[in-house]
Amino acid sequence: MTKKDLIDSIIKEMSCSRKEAAELVDTFFETIKSKIEQEGKLKISRFGTFEVYRKKERIGRNPKNMKEAQIEARNVVRFKGSSILRNSINK
């Protein structure tokens, strides 16, 4: 599902304008992003948890020429679905 698909779905469900639906989606994602940046973790009940995880520095390999390269340490976001979400997917 793309952002456009999500906006179209909101338009159908809520009977609102495209502009209002786009603003709603943008605000939702900006809120999630800012909370993860501030707190490092965001839990949405009955859906799941987004959490910042620190990856260590490591050595990787270019698959084309097999040369080794240093991969810098970085932060990544992990998502773990709630048991309710996992159970609904696995029905």
PDB file of N, CA and C in Angstrom:
ATOM      1  N   MET A   1       0.846  -1.172   0.000  1.00  0.00           N
ATOM      2  CA  MET A   1       0.000   0.000   0.000  1.00  0.00           C
ATOM      3  C   MET A   1       0.887   1.228   0.000  1.00  0.00           C
ATOM      4  N   THR A   2       0.577   2.156  -0.876  1.00  0.00           N
ATOM      5  CA  THR A   2       1.325   3.406  -0.954  1.00  0.00           C
ATOM      6  C   THR A   2       0.593   4.492  -0.167  1.00  0.00           C
ATOM      7  N   LYS A   3       1.248   5.627  -0.024  1.00  0.00           N
ATOM      8  CA  LYS A   3       0.630   6.758   0.664  1.00  0.00           C
ATOM      9  C   LYS A   3      -0.641   7.191  -0.068  1.00  0.00           C
ATOM     10  N   LYS A   4      -0.610   7.169  -1.393  1.00  0.00           N
ATOM     11  CA  LYS A   4      -1.784   7.543  -2.190  1.00  0.00           C
ATOM     12  C   LYS A   4      -2.934   6.567  -1.933  1.00  0.00           C
ATOM     13  N   ASP A   5      -2.631   5.278  -1.846  1.00  0.00           N
ATOM     14  CA  ASP A   5      -3.659   4.273  -1.551  1.00  0.00           C
ATOM     15  C   ASP A   5      -4.279   4.514  -0.176  1.00  0.00           C
ATOM     16  N   LEU A   6      -3.446   4.874   0.785  1.00  0.00           N
ATOM     17  CA  LEU A   6      -3.917   5.150   2.131  1.00  0.00           C
ATOM     18  C   LEU A   6      -4.855   6.364   2.128  1.00  0.00           C
ATOM     19  N   ILE A   7      -4.474   7.400   1.411  1.00  0.00           N
ATOM     20  CA  ILE A   7      -5.314   8.602   1.294  1.00  0.00           C
ATOM     21  C   ILE A   7      -6.641   8.255   0.633  1.00  0.00           C
ATOM     22  N   ASP A   8      -6.605   7.467  -0.435  1.00  0.00           N
ATOM     23  CA  ASP A   8      -7.839   7.056  -1.115  1.00  0.00           C
ATOM     24  C   ASP A   8      -8.745   6.258  -0.179  1.00  0.00           C
ATOM     25  N   SER A   9      -8.170   5.404   0.637  1.00  0.00           N
ATOM     26  CA  SER A   9      -8.941   4.611   1.583  1.00  0.00           C
ATOM     27  C   SER A   9      -9.619   5.499   2.624  1.00  0.00           C
ATOM     28  N   ILE A  10      -8.904   6.511   3.102  1.00  0.00           N
ATOM     29  CA  ILE A  10      -9.474   7.441   4.074  1.00  0.00           C
ATOM     30  C   ILE A  10     -10.610   8.237   3.449  1.00  0.00           C
ATOM     31  N   ILE A  11     -10.448   8.645   2.203  1.00  0.00           N
ATOM     32  CA  ILE A  11     -11.499   9.381   1.500  1.00  0.00           C
ATOM     33  C   ILE A  11     -12.775   8.546   1.426  1.00  0.00           C
ATOM     34  N   LYS A  12     -12.642   7.262   1.105  1.00  0.00           N
ATOM     35  CA  LYS A  12     -13.808   6.375   1.009  1.00  0.00           C
ATOM     36  C   LYS A  12     -14.467   6.159   2.362  1.00  0.00           C
ATOM     37  N   GLU A  13     -13.663   5.924   3.397  1.00  0.00           N
ATOM     38  CA  GLU A  13     -14.198   5.616   4.722  1.00  0.00           C
ATOM     39  C   GLU A  13     -14.800   6.824   5.428  1.00  0.00           C
ATOM     40  N   MET A  14     -14.174   7.993   5.278  1.00  0.00           N
ATOM     41  CA  MET A  14     -14.591   9.160   6.048  1.00  0.00           C
ATOM     42  C   MET A  14     -15.365  10.190   5.224  1.00  0.00           C
ATOM     43  N   SER A  15     -15.448   9.994   3.929  1.00  0.00           N
ATOM     44  CA  SER A  15     -16.140  10.937   3.039  1.00  0.00           C
ATOM     45  C   SER A  15     -15.622  12.371   3.225  1.00  0.00           C
ATOM     46  N   CYS A  16     -14.317  12.519   3.130  1.00  0.00           N
ATOM     47  CA  CYS A  16     -13.712  13.843   3.253  1.00  0.00           C
ATOM     48  C   CYS A  16     -12.984  14.178   1.954  1.00  0.00           C
ATOM     49  N   SER A  17     -12.479  15.397   1.872  1.00  0.00           N
ATOM     50  CA  SER A  17     -11.786  15.818   0.655  1.00  0.00           C
ATOM     51  C   SER A  17     -10.388  15.207   0.605  1.00  0.00           C
ATOM     52  N   ARG A  18      -9.813  15.199  -0.592  1.00  0.00           N
ATOM     53  CA  ARG A  18      -8.461  14.666  -0.774  1.00  0.00           C
ATOM     54  C   ARG A  18      -7.457  15.481   0.047  1.00  0.00           C
ATOM     55  N   LYS A  19      -7.643  16.788   0.089  1.00  0.00           N
ATOM     56  CA  LYS A  19      -6.725  17.656   0.827  1.00  0.00           C
ATOM     57  C   LYS A  19      -6.767  17.331   2.325  1.00  0.00           C
ATOM     58  N   GLU A  20      -7.959  17.154   2.867  1.00  0.00           N
ATOM     59  CA  GLU A  20      -8.094  16.826   4.286  1.00  0.00           C
ATOM     60  C   GLU A  20      -7.475  15.467   4.602  1.00  0.00           C
ATOM     61  N   ALA A  21      -7.707  14.494   3.741  1.00  0.00           N
ATOM     62  CA  ALA A  21      -7.147  13.158   3.947  1.00  0.00           C
ATOM     63  C   ALA A  21      -5.619  13.191   3.864  1.00  0.00           C
ATOM     64  N   ALA A  22      -5.083  13.944   2.911  1.00  0.00           N
ATOM     65  CA  ALA A  22      -3.625  14.050   2.771  1.00  0.00           C
ATOM     66  C   ALA A  22      -3.020  14.729   4.002  1.00  0.00           C
ATOM     67  N   GLU A  23      -3.675  15.763   4.514  1.00  0.00           N
ATOM     68  CA  GLU A  23      -3.190  16.437   5.718  1.00  0.00           C
ATOM     69  C   GLU A  23      -3.228  15.501   6.922  1.00  0.00           C
ATOM     70  N   LEU A  24      -4.277  14.690   7.010  1.00  0.00           N
ATOM     71  CA  LEU A  24      -4.395  13.727   8.100  1.00  0.00           C
ATOM     72  C   LEU A  24      -3.257  12.712   8.065  1.00  0.00           C
ATOM     73  N   VAL A  25      -2.981  12.162   6.898  1.00  0.00           N
ATOM     74  CA  VAL A  25      -1.908  11.179   6.752  1.00  0.00           C
ATOM     75  C   VAL A  25      -0.550  11.812   7.049  1.00  0.00           C
ATOM     76  N   ASP A  26      -0.297  12.997   6.508  1.00  0.00           N
ATOM     77  CA  ASP A  26       0.975  13.678   6.757  1.00  0.00           C
ATOM     78  C   ASP A  26       1.168  13.977   8.245  1.00  0.00           C
ATOM     79  N   THR A  27       0.116  14.460   8.898  1.00  0.00           N
ATOM     80  CA  THR A  27       0.192  14.767  10.322  1.00  0.00           C
ATOM     81  C   THR A  27       0.444  13.505  11.135  1.00  0.00           C
ATOM     82  N   PHE A  28      -0.226  12.421  10.776  1.00  0.00           N
ATOM     83  CA  PHE A  28      -0.050  11.149  11.479  1.00  0.00           C
ATOM     84  C   PHE A  28       1.402  10.681  11.395  1.00  0.00           C
ATOM     85  N   PHE A  29       1.965  10.672  10.194  1.00  0.00           N
ATOM     86  CA  PHE A  29       3.342  10.208  10.031  1.00  0.00           C
ATOM     87  C   PHE A  29       4.350  11.159  10.682  1.00  0.00           C
ATOM     88  N   GLU A  30       4.117  12.450  10.617  1.00  0.00           N
ATOM     89  CA  GLU A  30       5.021  13.405  11.269  1.00  0.00           C
ATOM     90  C   GLU A  30       4.996  13.233  12.785  1.00  0.00           C
ATOM     91  N   THR A  31       3.815  12.965  13.344  1.00  0.00           N
ATOM     92  CA  THR A  31       3.697  12.741  14.783  1.00  0.00           C
ATOM     93  C   THR A  31       4.455  11.488  15.196  1.00  0.00           C
ATOM     94  N   ILE A  32       4.298  10.421  14.447  1.00  0.00           N
ATOM     95  CA  ILE A  32       5.030   9.180  14.734  1.00  0.00           C
ATOM     96  C   ILE A  32       6.529   9.429  14.660  1.00  0.00           C
ATOM     97  N   LYS A  33       6.965  10.096  13.594  1.00  0.00           N
ATOM     98  CA  LYS A  33       8.394  10.367  13.412  1.00  0.00           C
ATOM     99  C   LYS A  33       8.959  11.195  14.566  1.00  0.00           C
ATOM    100  N   SER A  34       8.262  12.251  14.969  1.00  0.00           N
ATOM    101  CA  SER A  34       8.783  13.122  16.023  1.00  0.00           C
ATOM    102  C   SER A  34       8.822  12.408  17.370  1.00  0.00           C
ATOM    103  N   LYS A  35       7.830  11.565  17.660  1.00  0.00           N
ATOM    104  CA  LYS A  35       7.834  10.826  18.928  1.00  0.00           C
ATOM    105  C   LYS A  35       8.962   9.806  18.977  1.00  0.00           C
ATOM    106  N   ILE A  36       9.225   9.142  17.863  1.00  0.00           N
ATOM    107  CA  ILE A  36      10.332   8.186  17.827  1.00  0.00           C
ATOM    108  C   ILE A  36      11.665   8.917  17.991  1.00  0.00           C
ATOM    109  N   GLU A  37      11.808  10.085  17.356  1.00  0.00           N
ATOM    110  CA  GLU A  37      13.038  10.867  17.491  1.00  0.00           C
ATOM    111  C   GLU A  37      13.235  11.328  18.926  1.00  0.00           C
ATOM    112  N   GLN A  38      12.164  11.782  19.589  1.00  0.00           N
ATOM    113  CA  GLN A  38      12.262  12.319  20.950  1.00  0.00           C
ATOM    114  C   GLN A  38      12.484  11.236  21.996  1.00  0.00           C
ATOM    115  N   GLU A  39      11.699  10.173  21.922  1.00  0.00           N
ATOM    116  CA  GLU A  39      11.680   9.186  22.992  1.00  0.00           C
ATOM    117  C   GLU A  39      12.380   7.875  22.652  1.00  0.00           C
ATOM    118  N   GLY A  40      12.651   7.632  21.373  1.00  0.00           N
ATOM    119  CA  GLY A  40      13.319   6.407  20.980  1.00  0.00           C
ATOM    120  C   GLY A  40      12.401   5.206  20.911  1.00  0.00           C
ATOM    121  N   LYS A  41      11.128   5.394  21.249  1.00  0.00           N
ATOM    122  CA  LYS A  41      10.187   4.276  21.256  1.00  0.00           C
ATOM    123  C   LYS A  41       8.772   4.831  21.125  1.00  0.00           C
ATOM    124  N   LEU A  42       7.925   4.101  20.406  1.00  0.00           N
ATOM    125  CA  LEU A  42       6.520   4.483  20.271  1.00  0.00           C
ATOM    126  C   LEU A  42       5.682   3.226  20.275  1.00  0.00           C
ATOM    127  N   LYS A  43       4.763   3.140  21.227  1.00  0.00           N
ATOM    128  CA  LYS A  43       3.894   1.979  21.326  1.00  0.00           C
ATOM    129  C   LYS A  43       2.475   2.395  20.952  1.00  0.00           C
ATOM    130  N   ILE A  44       1.904   1.680  19.999  1.00  0.00           N
ATOM    131  CA  ILE A  44       0.518   1.895  19.603  1.00  0.00           C
ATOM    132  C   ILE A  44      -0.246   0.653  20.038  1.00  0.00           C
ATOM    133  N   SER A  45      -1.121   0.815  21.014  1.00  0.00           N
ATOM    134  CA  SER A  45      -1.857  -0.320  21.572  1.00  0.00           C
ATOM    135  C   SER A  45      -2.602  -1.077  20.482  1.00  0.00           C
ATOM    136  N   ARG A  46      -2.578  -2.392  20.594  1.00  0.00           N
ATOM    137  CA  ARG A  46      -3.259  -3.312  19.696  1.00  0.00           C
ATOM    138  C   ARG A  46      -2.676  -3.305  18.278  1.00  0.00           C
ATOM    139  N   PHE A  47      -1.555  -2.599  18.062  1.00  0.00           N
ATOM    140  CA  PHE A  47      -0.911  -2.571  16.751  1.00  0.00           C
ATOM    141  C   PHE A  47       0.533  -3.025  16.835  1.00  0.00           C
ATOM    142  N   GLY A  48       1.354  -2.315  17.624  1.00  0.00           N
ATOM    143  CA  GLY A  48       2.747  -2.716  17.752  1.00  0.00           C
ATOM    144  C   GLY A  48       3.618  -1.613  18.313  1.00  0.00           C
ATOM    145  N   THR A  49       4.928  -1.870  18.315  1.00  0.00           N
ATOM    146  CA  THR A  49       5.903  -0.953  18.888  1.00  0.00           C
ATOM    147  C   THR A  49       7.005  -0.645  17.884  1.00  0.00           C
ATOM    148  N   PHE A  50       7.302   0.636  17.728  1.00  0.00           N
ATOM    149  CA  PHE A  50       8.435   1.106  16.943  1.00  0.00           C
ATOM    150  C   PHE A  50       9.522   1.471  17.933  1.00  0.00           C
ATOM    151  N   GLU A  51      10.756   0.992  17.688  1.00  0.00           N
ATOM    152  CA  GLU A  51      11.837   1.253  18.624  1.00  0.00           C
ATOM    153  C   GLU A  51      13.139   1.506  17.873  1.00  0.00           C
ATOM    154  N   VAL A  52      13.898   2.500  18.348  1.00  0.00           N
ATOM    155  CA  VAL A  52      15.198   2.803  17.752  1.00  0.00           C
ATOM    156  C   VAL A  52      16.205   1.801  18.287  1.00  0.00           C
ATOM    157  N   TYR A  53      16.986   1.238  17.379  1.00  0.00           N
ATOM    158  CA  TYR A  53      17.995   0.238  17.714  1.00  0.00           C
ATOM    159  C   TYR A  53      19.324   0.695  17.133  1.00  0.00           C
ATOM    160  N   ARG A  54      20.381   0.586  17.901  1.00  0.00           N
ATOM    161  CA  ARG A  54      21.722   0.992  17.466  1.00  0.00           C
ATOM    162  C   ARG A  54      22.446  -0.203  16.865  1.00  0.00           C
ATOM    163  N   LYS A  55      22.797  -0.111  15.564  1.00  0.00           N
ATOM    164  CA  LYS A  55      23.594  -1.160  14.926  1.00  0.00           C
ATOM    165  C   LYS A  55      25.066  -0.826  15.097  1.00  0.00           C
ATOM    166  N   LYS A  56      25.849  -1.833  15.391  1.00  0.00           N
ATOM    167  CA  LYS A  56      27.279  -1.634  15.593  1.00  0.00           C
ATOM    168  C   LYS A  56      27.995  -1.475  14.258  1.00  0.00           C
ATOM    169  N   GLU A  57      29.182  -0.894  14.342  1.00  0.00           N
ATOM    170  CA  GLU A  57      30.054  -0.796  13.172  1.00  0.00           C
ATOM    171  C   GLU A  57      30.502  -2.199  12.787  1.00  0.00           C
ATOM    172  N   ARG A  58      30.588  -2.446  11.479  1.00  0.00           N
ATOM    173  CA  ARG A  58      30.990  -3.783  11.038  1.00  0.00           C
ATOM    174  C   ARG A  58      31.642  -3.702   9.668  1.00  0.00           C
ATOM    175  N   ILE A  59      32.214  -4.820   9.274  1.00  0.00           N
ATOM    176  CA  ILE A  59      32.832  -4.896   7.955  1.00  0.00           C
ATOM    177  C   ILE A  59      31.865  -5.607   7.021  1.00  0.00           C
ATOM    178  N   GLY A  60      31.602  -4.983   5.876  1.00  0.00           N
ATOM    179  CA  GLY A  60      30.727  -5.575   4.867  1.00  0.00           C
ATOM    180  C   GLY A  60      31.532  -5.880   3.616  1.00  0.00           C
ATOM    181  N   ARG A  61      30.875  -6.453   2.645  1.00  0.00           N
ATOM    182  CA  ARG A  61      31.581  -6.831   1.423  1.00  0.00           C
ATOM    183  C   ARG A  61      30.732  -6.427   0.223  1.00  0.00           C
ATOM    184  N   ASN A  62      31.376  -5.783  -0.761  1.00  0.00           N
ATOM    185  CA  ASN A  62      30.717  -5.428  -2.007  1.00  0.00           C
ATOM    186  C   ASN A  62      30.535  -6.707  -2.823  1.00  0.00           C
ATOM    187  N   PRO A  63      29.298  -7.097  -3.152  1.00  0.00           N
ATOM    188  CA  PRO A  63      29.090  -8.366  -3.860  1.00  0.00           C
ATOM    189  C   PRO A  63      29.618  -8.367  -5.296  1.00  0.00           C
ATOM    190  N   LYS A  64      29.793  -7.187  -5.891  1.00  0.00           N
ATOM    191  CA  LYS A  64      30.296  -7.138  -7.271  1.00  0.00           C
ATOM    192  C   LYS A  64      31.776  -7.481  -7.350  1.00  0.00           C
ATOM    193  N   ASN A  65      32.562  -6.843  -6.469  1.00  0.00           N
ATOM    194  CA  ASN A  65      34.007  -7.059  -6.569  1.00  0.00           C
ATOM    195  C   ASN A  65      34.607  -7.728  -5.322  1.00  0.00           C
ATOM    196  N   MET A  66      33.769  -8.071  -4.365  1.00  0.00           N
ATOM    197  CA  MET A  66      34.168  -8.768  -3.138  1.00  0.00           C
ATOM    198  C   MET A  66      35.164  -7.983  -2.283  1.00  0.00           C
ATOM    199  N   LYS A  67      35.245  -6.673  -2.478  1.00  0.00           N
ATOM    200  CA  LYS A  67      36.113  -5.844  -1.641  1.00  0.00           C
ATOM    201  C   LYS A  67      35.415  -5.546  -0.328  1.00  0.00           C
ATOM    202  N   GLU A  68      36.191  -5.592   0.746  1.00  0.00           N
ATOM    203  CA  GLU A  68      35.645  -5.290   2.061  1.00  0.00           C
ATOM    204  C   GLU A  68      35.542  -3.788   2.250  1.00  0.00           C
ATOM    205  N   ALA A  69      34.514  -3.366   2.989  1.00  0.00           N
ATOM    206  CA  ALA A  69      34.311  -1.953   3.290  1.00  0.00           C
ATOM    207  C   ALA A  69      33.763  -1.830   4.706  1.00  0.00           C
ATOM    208  N   GLN A  70      34.128  -0.758   5.366  1.00  0.00           N
ATOM    209  CA  GLN A  70      33.660  -0.506   6.722  1.00  0.00           C
ATOM    210  C   GLN A  70      32.247   0.072   6.656  1.00  0.00           C
ATOM    211  N   ILE A  71      31.319  -0.521   7.372  1.00  0.00           N
ATOM    212  CA  ILE A  71      29.958   0.001   7.475  1.00  0.00           C
ATOM    213  C   ILE A  71      29.857   0.701   8.821  1.00  0.00           C
ATOM    214  N   GLU A  72      29.519   1.978   8.789  1.00  0.00           N
ATOM    215  CA  GLU A  72      29.468   2.795   9.996  1.00  0.00           C
ATOM    216  C   GLU A  72      28.342   2.348  10.926  1.00  0.00           C
ATOM    217  N   ALA A  73      28.511   2.632  12.214  1.00  0.00           N
ATOM    218  CA  ALA A  73      27.450   2.392  13.182  1.00  0.00           C
ATOM    219  C   ALA A  73      26.306   3.348  12.857  1.00  0.00           C
ATOM    220  N   ARG A  74      25.073   2.887  13.074  1.00  0.00           N
ATOM    221  CA  ARG A  74      23.926   3.740  12.759  1.00  0.00           C
ATOM    222  C   ARG A  74      22.711   3.300  13.564  1.00  0.00           C
ATOM    223  N   ASN A  75      21.717   4.173  13.601  1.00  0.00           N
ATOM    224  CA  ASN A  75      20.452   3.864  14.249  1.00  0.00           C
ATOM    225  C   ASN A  75      19.450   3.401  13.192  1.00  0.00           C
ATOM    226  N   VAL A  76      18.665   2.400  13.536  1.00  0.00           N
ATOM    227  CA  VAL A  76      17.601   1.920  12.665  1.00  0.00           C
ATOM    228  C   VAL A  76      16.330   1.793  13.510  1.00  0.00           C
ATOM    229  N   VAL A  77      15.188   1.791  12.850  1.00  0.00           N
ATOM    230  CA  VAL A  77      13.919   1.632  13.548  1.00  0.00           C
ATOM    231  C   VAL A  77      13.433   0.206  13.344  1.00  0.00           C
ATOM    232  N   ARG A  78      13.085  -0.452  14.437  1.00  0.00           N
ATOM    233  CA  ARG A  78      12.515  -1.792  14.392  1.00  0.00           C
ATOM    234  C   ARG A  78      11.026  -1.686  14.697  1.00  0.00           C
ATOM    235  N   PHE A  79      10.257  -2.571  14.095  1.00  0.00           N
ATOM    236  CA  PHE A  79       8.836  -2.659  14.408  1.00  0.00           C
ATOM    237  C   PHE A  79       8.533  -4.066  14.870  1.00  0.00           C
ATOM    238  N   LYS A  80       7.847  -4.165  15.986  1.00  0.00           N
ATOM    239  CA  LYS A  80       7.394  -5.464  16.480  1.00  0.00           C
ATOM    240  C   LYS A  80       5.881  -5.387  16.616  1.00  0.00           C
ATOM    241  N   GLY A  81       5.191  -6.201  15.841  1.00  0.00           N
ATOM    242  CA  GLY A  81       3.737  -6.213  15.875  1.00  0.00           C
ATOM    243  C   GLY A  81       3.212  -6.797  17.176  1.00  0.00           C
ATOM    244  N   SER A  82       2.063  -6.292  17.619  1.00  0.00           N
ATOM    245  CA  SER A  82       1.447  -6.815  18.835  1.00  0.00           C
ATOM    246  C   SER A  82       0.915  -8.221  18.580  1.00  0.00           C
ATOM    247  N   SER A  83       0.615  -8.924  19.648  1.00  0.00           N
ATOM    248  CA  SER A  83       0.077 -10.279  19.499  1.00  0.00           C
ATOM    249  C   SER A  83      -1.277 -10.246  18.797  1.00  0.00           C
ATOM    250  N   ILE A  84      -2.045  -9.190  18.999  1.00  0.00           N
ATOM    251  CA  ILE A  84      -3.340  -9.057  18.325  1.00  0.00           C
ATOM    252  C   ILE A  84      -3.135  -8.935  16.819  1.00  0.00           C
ATOM    253  N   LEU A  85      -2.172  -8.131  16.402  1.00  0.00           N
ATOM    254  CA  LEU A  85      -1.880  -7.980  14.966  1.00  0.00           C
ATOM    255  C   LEU A  85      -1.355  -9.288  14.388  1.00  0.00           C
ATOM    256  N   ARG A  86      -0.431  -9.931  15.076  1.00  0.00           N
ATOM    257  CA  ARG A  86       0.116 -11.205  14.582  1.00  0.00           C
ATOM    258  C   ARG A  86      -0.964 -12.260  14.460  1.00  0.00           C
ATOM    259  N   ASN A  87      -1.860 -12.336  15.452  1.00  0.00           N
ATOM    260  CA  ASN A  87      -2.934 -13.330  15.383  1.00  0.00           C
ATOM    261  C   ASN A  87      -3.900 -13.057  14.240  1.00  0.00           C
ATOM    262  N   SER A  88      -4.196 -11.790  13.962  1.00  0.00           N
ATOM    263  CA  SER A  88      -5.114 -11.482  12.861  1.00  0.00           C
ATOM    264  C   SER A  88      -4.489 -11.790  11.503  1.00  0.00           C
ATOM    265  N   ILE A  89      -3.182 -11.652  11.400  1.00  0.00           N
ATOM    266  CA  ILE A  89      -2.476 -11.963  10.151  1.00  0.00           C
ATOM    267  C   ILE A  89      -2.408 -13.471   9.941  1.00  0.00           C
ATOM    268  N   ASN A  90      -2.256 -14.223  11.015  1.00  0.00           N
ATOM    269  CA  ASN A  90      -2.061 -15.669  10.930  1.00  0.00           C
ATOM    270  C   ASN A  90      -3.343 -16.492  10.969  1.00  0.00           C
ATOM    271  N   LYS A  91      -4.486 -15.876  10.788  1.00  0.00           N
ATOM    272  CA  LYS A  91      -5.751 -16.628  10.769  1.00  0.00           C
ATOM    273  C   LYS A  91      -5.880 -17.446   9.530  1.00  0.00           C
TER     274      LYS A  91
END
